[in-house]
Amino acid sequence: MKKLTISSVIVVSILLTACAEVTGWSPTVDPYNDRNAYRIPQDTTECKQ
């Protein structure tokens, strides 16, 4: 019975997290040694459109 309860909790947790919405996410950009680093804000704006 204890295994069934643990399994149920795990399954419910997975189902709930699968439906979670990610907000406020933004990609990490590493401009080190990038000749076009000055374009990052423009590229980000274009990508969001």
N, C-alpha and C. Protein backbone atom coordinates (compact mmCIF):
# COMPACT_ATOMS: atom_id res chain seq x y z
N MET A 1 0.83 -1.19 0.00
CA MET A 1 0.00 0.00 0.00
C MET A 1 0.87 1.25 0.00
N LYS A 2 2.00 1.19 0.70
CA LYS A 2 2.89 2.34 0.78
C LYS A 2 3.51 2.65 -0.58
N LYS A 3 3.85 1.59 -1.34
CA LYS A 3 4.41 1.78 -2.68
C LYS A 3 3.40 2.46 -3.60
N LEU A 4 2.14 2.09 -3.46
CA LEU A 4 1.09 2.68 -4.27
C LEU A 4 0.95 4.17 -3.97
N THR A 5 1.03 4.55 -2.73
CA THR A 5 0.92 5.94 -2.33
C THR A 5 2.09 6.76 -2.86
N ILE A 6 3.29 6.24 -2.74
CA ILE A 6 4.48 6.93 -3.24
C ILE A 6 4.40 7.07 -4.75
N SER A 7 4.00 6.02 -5.42
CA SER A 7 3.85 6.06 -6.87
C SER A 7 2.80 7.08 -7.28
N SER A 8 1.72 7.13 -6.55
CA SER A 8 0.65 8.09 -6.86
C SER A 8 1.14 9.52 -6.70
N VAL A 9 1.89 9.78 -5.67
CA VAL A 9 2.43 11.12 -5.44
C VAL A 9 3.39 11.50 -6.56
N ILE A 10 4.21 10.59 -6.97
CA ILE A 10 5.16 10.86 -8.05
C ILE A 10 4.42 11.15 -9.35
N VAL A 11 3.44 10.33 -9.68
CA VAL A 11 2.69 10.53 -10.92
C VAL A 11 1.96 11.87 -10.91
N VAL A 12 1.31 12.20 -9.82
CA VAL A 12 0.59 13.47 -9.72
C VAL A 12 1.56 14.64 -9.82
N SER A 13 2.71 14.53 -9.19
CA SER A 13 3.71 15.60 -9.26
C SER A 13 4.19 15.82 -10.69
N ILE A 14 4.43 14.75 -11.40
CA ILE A 14 4.88 14.85 -12.79
C ILE A 14 3.79 15.50 -13.65
N LEU A 15 2.57 15.09 -13.45
CA LEU A 15 1.48 15.66 -14.24
C LEU A 15 1.29 17.15 -13.95
N LEU A 16 1.43 17.55 -12.71
CA LEU A 16 1.26 18.96 -12.36
C LEU A 16 2.39 19.82 -12.89
N THR A 17 3.60 19.32 -12.84
CA THR A 17 4.73 20.10 -13.34
C THR A 17 4.76 20.14 -14.85
N ALA A 18 4.19 19.16 -15.50
CA ALA A 18 4.14 19.15 -16.96
C ALA A 18 3.22 20.25 -17.48
N CYS A 19 2.26 20.65 -16.67
CA CYS A 19 1.31 21.69 -17.07
C CYS A 19 1.73 23.08 -16.61
N ALA A 20 2.82 23.18 -15.92
CA ALA A 20 3.28 24.47 -15.41
C ALA A 20 3.73 25.37 -16.56
N GLU A 21 3.46 26.64 -16.42
CA GLU A 21 3.84 27.59 -17.45
C GLU A 21 5.10 28.33 -17.02
N VAL A 22 6.03 28.44 -17.93
CA VAL A 22 7.28 29.13 -17.65
C VAL A 22 7.10 30.59 -18.04
N THR A 23 7.31 31.48 -17.08
CA THR A 23 7.19 32.91 -17.37
C THR A 23 8.47 33.60 -16.97
N GLY A 24 8.78 34.67 -17.65
CA GLY A 24 9.95 35.45 -17.29
C GLY A 24 11.26 34.83 -17.76
N TRP A 25 11.18 33.85 -18.62
CA TRP A 25 12.39 33.20 -19.10
C TRP A 25 13.03 34.04 -20.19
N SER A 26 14.33 34.13 -20.16
CA SER A 26 15.06 34.79 -21.24
C SER A 26 16.35 34.01 -21.46
N PRO A 27 16.79 33.92 -22.71
CA PRO A 27 17.98 33.13 -22.98
C PRO A 27 19.24 33.77 -22.42
N THR A 28 20.20 32.95 -22.08
CA THR A 28 21.49 33.44 -21.62
C THR A 28 22.37 33.68 -22.83
N VAL A 29 22.92 34.88 -22.91
CA VAL A 29 23.75 35.24 -24.05
C VAL A 29 25.15 35.56 -23.54
N ASP A 30 26.13 34.92 -24.13
CA ASP A 30 27.52 35.16 -23.75
C ASP A 30 28.20 35.94 -24.87
N PRO A 31 28.39 37.24 -24.70
CA PRO A 31 28.97 38.05 -25.77
C PRO A 31 30.50 38.00 -25.83
N TYR A 32 31.11 37.21 -24.98
CA TYR A 32 32.56 37.14 -24.95
C TYR A 32 33.11 36.67 -26.30
N ASN A 33 34.03 37.41 -26.84
CA ASN A 33 34.71 37.07 -28.08
C ASN A 33 33.74 37.00 -29.27
N ASP A 34 32.66 37.78 -29.21
CA ASP A 34 31.69 37.83 -30.30
C ASP A 34 31.84 39.17 -31.01
N ARG A 35 32.20 39.12 -32.28
CA ARG A 35 32.40 40.37 -33.03
C ARG A 35 31.10 41.13 -33.22
N ASN A 36 29.96 40.46 -33.12
CA ASN A 36 28.66 41.09 -33.34
C ASN A 36 27.87 41.26 -32.04
N ALA A 37 28.55 41.41 -30.94
CA ALA A 37 27.87 41.53 -29.64
C ALA A 37 26.98 42.76 -29.58
N TYR A 38 27.30 43.78 -30.32
CA TYR A 38 26.49 44.99 -30.31
C TYR A 38 25.09 44.74 -30.90
N ARG A 39 24.91 43.65 -31.61
CA ARG A 39 23.63 43.32 -32.23
C ARG A 39 22.69 42.54 -31.31
N ILE A 40 23.13 42.15 -30.17
CA ILE A 40 22.33 41.29 -29.29
C ILE A 40 20.97 41.90 -28.95
N PRO A 41 20.88 43.17 -28.53
CA PRO A 41 19.55 43.73 -28.24
C PRO A 41 18.63 43.72 -29.46
N GLN A 42 19.16 44.03 -30.63
CA GLN A 42 18.36 44.03 -31.85
C GLN A 42 17.88 42.61 -32.18
N ASP A 43 18.76 41.67 -32.08
CA ASP A 43 18.40 40.27 -32.37
C ASP A 43 17.34 39.77 -31.39
N THR A 44 17.48 40.15 -30.13
CA THR A 44 16.50 39.73 -29.12
C THR A 44 15.12 40.31 -29.43
N THR A 45 15.09 41.58 -29.81
CA THR A 45 13.82 42.23 -30.15
C THR A 45 13.19 41.56 -31.36
N GLU A 46 13.98 41.27 -32.36
CA GLU A 46 13.46 40.60 -33.56
C GLU A 46 12.94 39.20 -33.22
N CYS A 47 13.61 38.53 -32.36
CA CYS A 47 13.20 37.17 -31.98
C CYS A 47 11.87 37.19 -31.24
N LYS A 48 11.66 38.17 -30.38
CA LYS A 48 10.41 38.27 -29.61
C LYS A 48 9.23 38.57 -30.51
N GLN A 49 9.49 39.24 -31.65
CA GLN A 49 8.40 39.56 -32.56
C GLN A 49 7.98 38.31 -33.26
